[in-house]
N, C-alpha and C. Protein backbone atom coordinates (compact mmCIF):
# COMPACT_ATOMS: atom_id res chain seq x y z
N UNK A 1 96.03 87.28 92.33
CA UNK A 1 96.92 86.80 91.28
C UNK A 1 97.86 85.79 91.90
N UNK A 2 97.89 84.58 91.38
CA UNK A 2 98.57 83.46 92.03
C UNK A 2 100.08 83.59 92.13
N UNK A 3 100.73 84.29 91.21
CA UNK A 3 102.19 84.38 91.24
C UNK A 3 102.69 85.69 91.83
N UNK A 4 101.79 86.52 92.36
CA UNK A 4 102.16 87.81 92.92
C UNK A 4 102.60 87.65 94.38
N UNK A 5 103.81 88.09 94.67
CA UNK A 5 104.35 87.94 96.03
C UNK A 5 103.52 88.72 97.05
N UNK A 6 103.01 89.88 96.67
CA UNK A 6 102.20 90.66 97.62
C UNK A 6 100.83 90.02 97.84
N UNK A 7 100.25 89.44 96.82
CA UNK A 7 98.99 88.70 96.99
C UNK A 7 99.20 87.51 97.92
N UNK A 8 100.35 86.86 97.80
CA UNK A 8 100.66 85.73 98.68
C UNK A 8 100.84 86.19 100.13
N UNK A 9 101.38 87.37 100.32
CA UNK A 9 101.49 87.94 101.67
C UNK A 9 100.10 88.21 102.23
N UNK A 10 99.25 88.82 101.45
CA UNK A 10 97.88 89.12 101.88
C UNK A 10 97.13 87.84 102.23
N UNK A 11 97.31 86.80 101.42
CA UNK A 11 96.63 85.52 101.64
C UNK A 11 97.25 84.70 102.76
N UNK A 12 98.36 85.16 103.34
CA UNK A 12 99.00 84.43 104.42
C UNK A 12 99.90 83.30 103.96
N UNK A 13 100.14 83.21 102.66
CA UNK A 13 101.02 82.16 102.13
C UNK A 13 102.49 82.47 102.37
N UNK A 14 102.81 83.75 102.50
CA UNK A 14 104.17 84.20 102.80
C UNK A 14 104.14 85.08 104.04
N UNK A 15 105.18 85.02 104.86
CA UNK A 15 105.18 85.83 106.07
C UNK A 15 105.49 87.29 105.78
N UNK A 16 105.06 88.15 106.70
CA UNK A 16 105.40 89.57 106.63
C UNK A 16 105.33 90.13 108.05
N UNK A 17 106.00 91.24 108.23
CA UNK A 17 105.93 91.97 109.50
C UNK A 17 104.85 93.04 109.34
N UNK A 18 103.63 92.68 109.74
CA UNK A 18 102.47 93.54 109.52
C UNK A 18 102.54 94.78 110.40
N UNK A 19 102.24 95.92 109.77
CA UNK A 19 102.15 97.21 110.46
C UNK A 19 100.68 97.58 110.65
N UNK A 20 99.87 97.34 109.63
CA UNK A 20 98.46 97.76 109.65
C UNK A 20 97.68 96.91 108.66
N UNK A 21 96.40 96.66 109.01
CA UNK A 21 95.53 95.95 108.08
C UNK A 21 94.09 96.36 108.34
N UNK A 22 93.35 96.55 107.27
CA UNK A 22 91.90 96.66 107.35
C UNK A 22 91.32 95.88 106.18
N UNK A 23 90.05 96.05 105.89
CA UNK A 23 89.42 95.23 104.85
C UNK A 23 89.92 95.56 103.45
N UNK A 24 90.56 96.73 103.27
CA UNK A 24 90.97 97.16 101.93
C UNK A 24 92.47 97.22 101.68
N UNK A 25 93.25 97.46 102.72
CA UNK A 25 94.68 97.69 102.54
C UNK A 25 95.49 96.90 103.56
N UNK A 26 96.76 96.78 103.25
CA UNK A 26 97.70 96.05 104.12
C UNK A 26 99.03 96.80 104.09
N UNK A 27 99.60 97.04 105.27
CA UNK A 27 100.90 97.70 105.36
C UNK A 27 101.85 96.78 106.10
N UNK A 28 103.09 96.71 105.61
CA UNK A 28 104.07 95.81 106.21
C UNK A 28 105.48 96.34 105.97
N UNK A 29 106.42 95.82 106.74
CA UNK A 29 107.80 96.25 106.62
C UNK A 29 108.39 95.70 105.32
N UNK A 30 109.08 96.55 104.58
CA UNK A 30 109.78 96.11 103.37
C UNK A 30 110.97 95.26 103.81
N UNK A 31 111.11 94.07 103.22
CA UNK A 31 112.25 93.22 103.60
C UNK A 31 113.57 93.79 103.14
N UNK A 32 113.53 94.73 102.19
CA UNK A 32 114.73 95.40 101.71
C UNK A 32 114.80 96.80 102.30
N UNK A 33 114.88 96.91 103.61
CA UNK A 33 114.88 98.21 104.28
C UNK A 33 115.93 99.14 103.67
N UNK A 34 115.50 100.27 103.13
CA UNK A 34 116.41 101.30 102.65
C UNK A 34 116.82 102.16 103.83
N UNK A 35 115.84 102.52 104.64
CA UNK A 35 116.09 103.23 105.90
C UNK A 35 115.25 102.52 106.96
N UNK A 36 115.65 102.66 108.20
CA UNK A 36 114.92 102.00 109.28
C UNK A 36 113.50 102.54 109.36
N UNK A 37 112.54 101.61 109.30
CA UNK A 37 111.14 102.00 109.31
C UNK A 37 110.49 102.02 107.94
N UNK A 38 111.15 101.53 106.92
CA UNK A 38 110.67 101.49 105.53
C UNK A 38 109.45 100.56 105.46
N UNK A 39 108.30 101.14 105.16
CA UNK A 39 107.02 100.41 105.13
C UNK A 39 106.44 100.45 103.73
N UNK A 40 105.74 99.38 103.36
CA UNK A 40 104.97 99.33 102.11
C UNK A 40 103.49 99.30 102.44
N UNK A 41 102.71 100.07 101.69
CA UNK A 41 101.26 100.07 101.82
C UNK A 41 100.69 99.61 100.48
N UNK A 42 99.84 98.58 100.53
CA UNK A 42 99.30 98.00 99.30
C UNK A 42 97.78 97.81 99.41
N UNK A 43 97.09 97.86 98.28
CA UNK A 43 95.68 97.47 98.31
C UNK A 43 95.61 95.94 98.38
N UNK A 44 94.59 95.44 99.05
CA UNK A 44 94.43 93.98 99.12
C UNK A 44 94.03 93.40 97.76
N UNK A 45 93.25 94.14 97.01
CA UNK A 45 92.89 93.69 95.66
C UNK A 45 94.08 93.96 94.75
N UNK A 46 94.36 93.02 93.87
CA UNK A 46 95.52 93.14 92.99
C UNK A 46 95.27 94.18 91.89
N UNK A 47 96.13 95.18 91.88
CA UNK A 47 96.21 96.16 90.79
C UNK A 47 97.69 96.24 90.45
N UNK A 48 98.03 96.09 89.19
CA UNK A 48 99.43 96.14 88.81
C UNK A 48 100.04 97.50 89.10
N UNK A 49 99.29 98.56 88.86
CA UNK A 49 99.84 99.90 89.04
C UNK A 49 98.70 100.90 89.23
N UNK A 50 99.04 102.16 89.38
CA UNK A 50 98.06 103.21 89.63
C UNK A 50 97.09 103.37 88.46
N UNK A 51 97.52 103.05 87.25
CA UNK A 51 96.67 103.20 86.07
C UNK A 51 95.46 102.26 86.12
N UNK A 52 95.61 101.10 86.77
CA UNK A 52 94.54 100.12 86.83
C UNK A 52 93.61 100.33 88.01
N UNK A 53 94.07 101.03 89.04
CA UNK A 53 93.34 101.14 90.29
C UNK A 53 92.09 102.01 90.15
N UNK A 54 90.99 101.55 90.75
CA UNK A 54 89.77 102.34 90.73
C UNK A 54 89.82 103.41 91.82
N UNK A 55 88.96 104.42 91.69
CA UNK A 55 88.98 105.55 92.62
C UNK A 55 88.68 105.14 94.05
N UNK A 56 87.78 104.19 94.26
CA UNK A 56 87.42 103.77 95.61
C UNK A 56 88.62 103.13 96.31
N UNK A 57 89.32 102.26 95.61
CA UNK A 57 90.50 101.62 96.20
C UNK A 57 91.58 102.66 96.49
N UNK A 58 91.80 103.57 95.54
CA UNK A 58 92.79 104.62 95.76
C UNK A 58 92.42 105.46 96.97
N UNK A 59 91.14 105.77 97.10
CA UNK A 59 90.67 106.56 98.23
C UNK A 59 90.93 105.84 99.55
N UNK A 60 90.63 104.55 99.60
CA UNK A 60 90.86 103.77 100.81
C UNK A 60 92.36 103.69 101.14
N UNK A 61 93.18 103.52 100.14
CA UNK A 61 94.63 103.43 100.35
C UNK A 61 95.19 104.76 100.86
N UNK A 62 94.85 105.84 100.18
CA UNK A 62 95.41 107.14 100.56
C UNK A 62 94.78 107.70 101.83
N UNK A 63 93.62 107.16 102.21
CA UNK A 63 93.02 107.54 103.49
C UNK A 63 93.88 107.02 104.65
N UNK A 64 94.51 105.89 104.45
CA UNK A 64 95.34 105.27 105.48
C UNK A 64 96.77 105.83 105.48
N UNK A 65 97.21 106.40 104.37
CA UNK A 65 98.60 106.86 104.24
C UNK A 65 99.04 107.80 105.37
N UNK A 66 98.25 108.80 105.76
CA UNK A 66 98.70 109.66 106.86
C UNK A 66 98.86 108.90 108.18
N UNK A 67 98.01 107.91 108.41
CA UNK A 67 98.11 107.10 109.62
C UNK A 67 99.45 106.35 109.66
N UNK A 68 99.83 105.76 108.53
CA UNK A 68 101.10 105.04 108.45
C UNK A 68 102.25 106.02 108.63
N UNK A 69 102.21 107.15 107.93
CA UNK A 69 103.28 108.15 108.03
C UNK A 69 103.43 108.65 109.46
N UNK A 70 102.32 108.94 110.12
CA UNK A 70 102.40 109.43 111.49
C UNK A 70 102.86 108.36 112.46
N UNK A 71 102.53 107.12 112.20
CA UNK A 71 103.05 106.02 113.02
C UNK A 71 104.57 105.91 112.91
N UNK A 72 105.07 106.03 111.70
CA UNK A 72 106.52 105.99 111.47
C UNK A 72 107.17 107.20 112.14
N UNK A 73 106.55 108.36 112.00
CA UNK A 73 107.09 109.57 112.62
C UNK A 73 107.17 109.42 114.14
N UNK A 74 106.12 108.90 114.74
CA UNK A 74 106.10 108.70 116.19
C UNK A 74 107.13 107.67 116.64
N UNK A 75 107.27 106.59 115.89
CA UNK A 75 108.16 105.49 116.27
C UNK A 75 109.64 105.82 116.06
N UNK A 76 109.96 106.56 114.99
CA UNK A 76 111.37 106.73 114.61
C UNK A 76 111.86 108.18 114.61
N UNK A 77 110.95 109.15 114.69
CA UNK A 77 111.31 110.55 114.70
C UNK A 77 112.27 110.93 113.55
N UNK A 78 111.90 110.62 112.31
CA UNK A 78 112.78 110.99 111.19
C UNK A 78 112.77 112.49 110.96
N UNK A 79 113.77 112.97 110.24
CA UNK A 79 113.85 114.38 109.88
C UNK A 79 112.89 114.71 108.73
N UNK A 80 112.50 113.70 107.99
CA UNK A 80 111.58 113.84 106.87
C UNK A 80 111.16 112.47 106.38
N UNK A 81 110.38 112.44 105.31
CA UNK A 81 109.94 111.15 104.76
C UNK A 81 109.64 111.31 103.28
N UNK A 82 110.06 110.33 102.49
CA UNK A 82 109.70 110.27 101.08
C UNK A 82 108.62 109.21 100.92
N UNK A 83 107.60 109.53 100.13
CA UNK A 83 106.62 108.55 99.68
C UNK A 83 106.93 108.31 98.22
N UNK A 84 107.15 107.04 97.86
CA UNK A 84 107.60 106.72 96.51
C UNK A 84 106.74 105.60 95.94
N UNK A 85 106.37 105.76 94.69
CA UNK A 85 105.66 104.72 93.95
C UNK A 85 106.25 104.67 92.55
N UNK A 86 106.55 103.47 92.08
CA UNK A 86 107.07 103.27 90.73
C UNK A 86 106.01 102.53 89.92
N UNK A 87 105.72 103.02 88.73
CA UNK A 87 104.71 102.40 87.87
C UNK A 87 105.34 101.96 86.56
N UNK A 88 105.45 100.66 86.39
CA UNK A 88 106.02 100.09 85.18
C UNK A 88 107.51 99.83 85.31
N UNK A 89 108.00 98.87 84.56
CA UNK A 89 109.42 98.50 84.65
C UNK A 89 110.33 99.66 84.26
N UNK A 90 109.91 100.52 83.35
CA UNK A 90 110.72 101.67 82.95
C UNK A 90 110.94 102.62 84.13
N UNK A 91 109.97 102.63 85.06
CA UNK A 91 110.06 103.46 86.26
C UNK A 91 110.58 102.67 87.46
N UNK A 92 111.23 101.54 87.19
CA UNK A 92 111.86 100.70 88.22
C UNK A 92 110.88 99.94 89.11
N UNK A 93 109.65 99.71 88.66
CA UNK A 93 108.75 98.86 89.43
C UNK A 93 109.26 97.43 89.34
N UNK A 94 109.40 96.77 90.49
CA UNK A 94 109.93 95.40 90.48
C UNK A 94 108.88 94.37 90.90
N UNK A 95 107.92 94.76 91.72
CA UNK A 95 106.80 93.89 92.07
C UNK A 95 105.57 94.54 91.45
N UNK A 96 104.90 93.80 90.60
CA UNK A 96 103.82 94.38 89.81
C UNK A 96 102.46 94.21 90.50
N UNK A 97 102.43 94.74 91.71
CA UNK A 97 101.23 94.93 92.53
C UNK A 97 101.44 96.32 93.11
N UNK A 98 100.49 97.23 92.89
CA UNK A 98 100.69 98.61 93.35
C UNK A 98 101.18 98.62 94.79
N UNK A 99 102.20 99.42 95.06
CA UNK A 99 102.69 99.60 96.43
C UNK A 99 103.28 100.99 96.59
N UNK A 100 103.05 101.54 97.77
CA UNK A 100 103.54 102.85 98.12
C UNK A 100 104.59 102.68 99.21
N UNK A 101 105.81 103.16 98.94
CA UNK A 101 106.90 103.09 99.90
C UNK A 101 106.84 104.29 100.83
N UNK A 102 107.01 104.07 102.12
CA UNK A 102 107.18 105.12 103.12
C UNK A 102 108.64 105.00 103.58
N UNK A 103 109.43 106.01 103.25
CA UNK A 103 110.87 105.96 103.52
C UNK A 103 111.25 107.09 104.47
N UNK A 104 111.38 106.77 105.77
CA UNK A 104 111.80 107.80 106.71
C UNK A 104 113.22 108.24 106.40
N UNK A 105 113.48 109.54 106.54
CA UNK A 105 114.79 110.10 106.23
C UNK A 105 115.46 110.59 107.51
N UNK A 106 116.70 110.19 107.67
CA UNK A 106 117.44 110.53 108.89
C UNK A 106 118.65 111.42 108.62
N UNK A 107 119.32 111.22 107.51
CA UNK A 107 120.43 112.09 107.13
C UNK A 107 120.72 111.92 105.65
N UNK A 108 121.62 112.73 105.11
CA UNK A 108 121.92 112.72 103.68
C UNK A 108 122.56 111.42 103.21
N UNK A 109 123.14 110.65 104.10
CA UNK A 109 123.84 109.41 103.74
C UNK A 109 123.06 108.18 104.17
N UNK A 110 121.74 108.26 104.14
CA UNK A 110 120.93 107.14 104.64
C UNK A 110 120.63 106.07 103.58
N UNK A 111 121.17 106.21 102.39
CA UNK A 111 121.01 105.17 101.38
C UNK A 111 119.98 105.48 100.31
N UNK A 112 119.21 106.53 100.48
CA UNK A 112 118.20 106.87 99.48
C UNK A 112 118.65 108.08 98.68
N UNK A 113 118.64 107.95 97.38
CA UNK A 113 119.00 109.05 96.48
C UNK A 113 117.79 109.36 95.61
N UNK A 114 117.26 110.55 95.76
CA UNK A 114 116.15 111.01 94.93
C UNK A 114 116.60 112.30 94.28
N UNK A 115 116.71 112.28 92.97
CA UNK A 115 117.13 113.50 92.28
C UNK A 115 116.58 113.52 90.87
N UNK A 116 116.43 114.71 90.35
CA UNK A 116 116.07 114.89 88.95
C UNK A 116 116.55 116.25 88.49
N UNK A 117 116.60 116.40 87.21
CA UNK A 117 117.04 117.65 86.62
C UNK A 117 115.81 118.41 86.13
N UNK A 118 115.64 119.61 86.62
CA UNK A 118 114.52 120.44 86.18
C UNK A 118 114.86 121.14 84.86
N UNK A 119 113.84 121.32 84.05
CA UNK A 119 113.99 121.98 82.76
C UNK A 119 113.09 123.20 82.70
N UNK A 120 113.16 124.02 83.73
CA UNK A 120 112.26 125.19 83.86
C UNK A 120 112.37 126.14 82.69
N UNK A 121 113.57 126.31 82.15
CA UNK A 121 113.75 127.26 81.05
C UNK A 121 113.03 126.81 79.78
N UNK A 122 112.75 125.51 79.67
CA UNK A 122 112.09 124.98 78.48
C UNK A 122 110.57 125.15 78.51
N UNK A 123 110.02 125.56 79.65
CA UNK A 123 108.57 125.60 79.81
C UNK A 123 108.09 126.98 80.21
N UNK A 124 107.62 127.70 79.23
CA UNK A 124 107.05 129.02 79.45
C UNK A 124 105.67 128.84 80.10
N UNK A 125 105.10 129.90 80.65
CA UNK A 125 103.73 129.80 81.17
C UNK A 125 102.75 129.32 80.10
N UNK A 126 102.94 129.74 78.85
CA UNK A 126 102.06 129.31 77.77
C UNK A 126 102.20 127.80 77.51
N UNK A 127 103.43 127.32 77.51
CA UNK A 127 103.67 125.89 77.31
C UNK A 127 103.07 125.08 78.46
N UNK A 128 103.23 125.55 79.69
CA UNK A 128 102.64 124.87 80.85
C UNK A 128 101.12 124.82 80.72
N UNK A 129 100.52 125.89 80.25
CA UNK A 129 99.07 125.92 80.07
C UNK A 129 98.64 124.92 79.01
N UNK A 130 99.40 124.81 77.92
CA UNK A 130 99.10 123.83 76.87
C UNK A 130 99.17 122.41 77.44
N UNK A 131 100.19 122.13 78.24
CA UNK A 131 100.32 120.80 78.85
C UNK A 131 99.16 120.52 79.79
N UNK A 132 98.79 121.52 80.61
CA UNK A 132 97.68 121.37 81.53
C UNK A 132 96.38 121.06 80.79
N UNK A 133 96.15 121.77 79.70
CA UNK A 133 94.94 121.55 78.91
C UNK A 133 94.93 120.16 78.27
N UNK A 134 96.09 119.69 77.85
CA UNK A 134 96.19 118.36 77.25
C UNK A 134 95.81 117.29 78.27
N UNK A 135 96.30 117.45 79.49
CA UNK A 135 95.96 116.48 80.54
C UNK A 135 94.49 116.62 80.92
N UNK A 136 94.03 117.85 81.12
CA UNK A 136 92.64 118.07 81.52
C UNK A 136 91.65 117.47 80.52
N UNK A 137 91.96 117.59 79.24
CA UNK A 137 91.04 117.06 78.23
C UNK A 137 91.04 115.53 78.21
N UNK A 138 92.05 114.92 78.78
CA UNK A 138 92.13 113.47 78.82
C UNK A 138 91.45 112.88 80.07
N UNK A 139 91.05 113.73 81.00
CA UNK A 139 90.44 113.25 82.25
C UNK A 139 89.02 112.76 82.05
């Protein structure tokens, strides 16, 4: 895609600090480091989000994910790591080429805030089963 910043990185039109590359995926340092060692992993083929990605590409991407995570772990020794993906502008996706963030965690004040409110009381086992069946039937 000609106007996609990540496609331009893959094509060599824009610079990046490459971490890993093979025939299917490319990993590089995020220029907006949230925590030291913040890496992005992307498929080389343009997919706007996870909904568009085929199973083979997803398999190739997620096959490499542990390698990237373990490289970050070895290099920076974080206390933990968040893997984050945003799909669609409503979910705060800003570059519309699928990308998976690897965010090493060092302490509570490292700049990353991940939180949500659980609604466990609203979901009985029967309601959860209904939701599961709704998703299963859509597969």
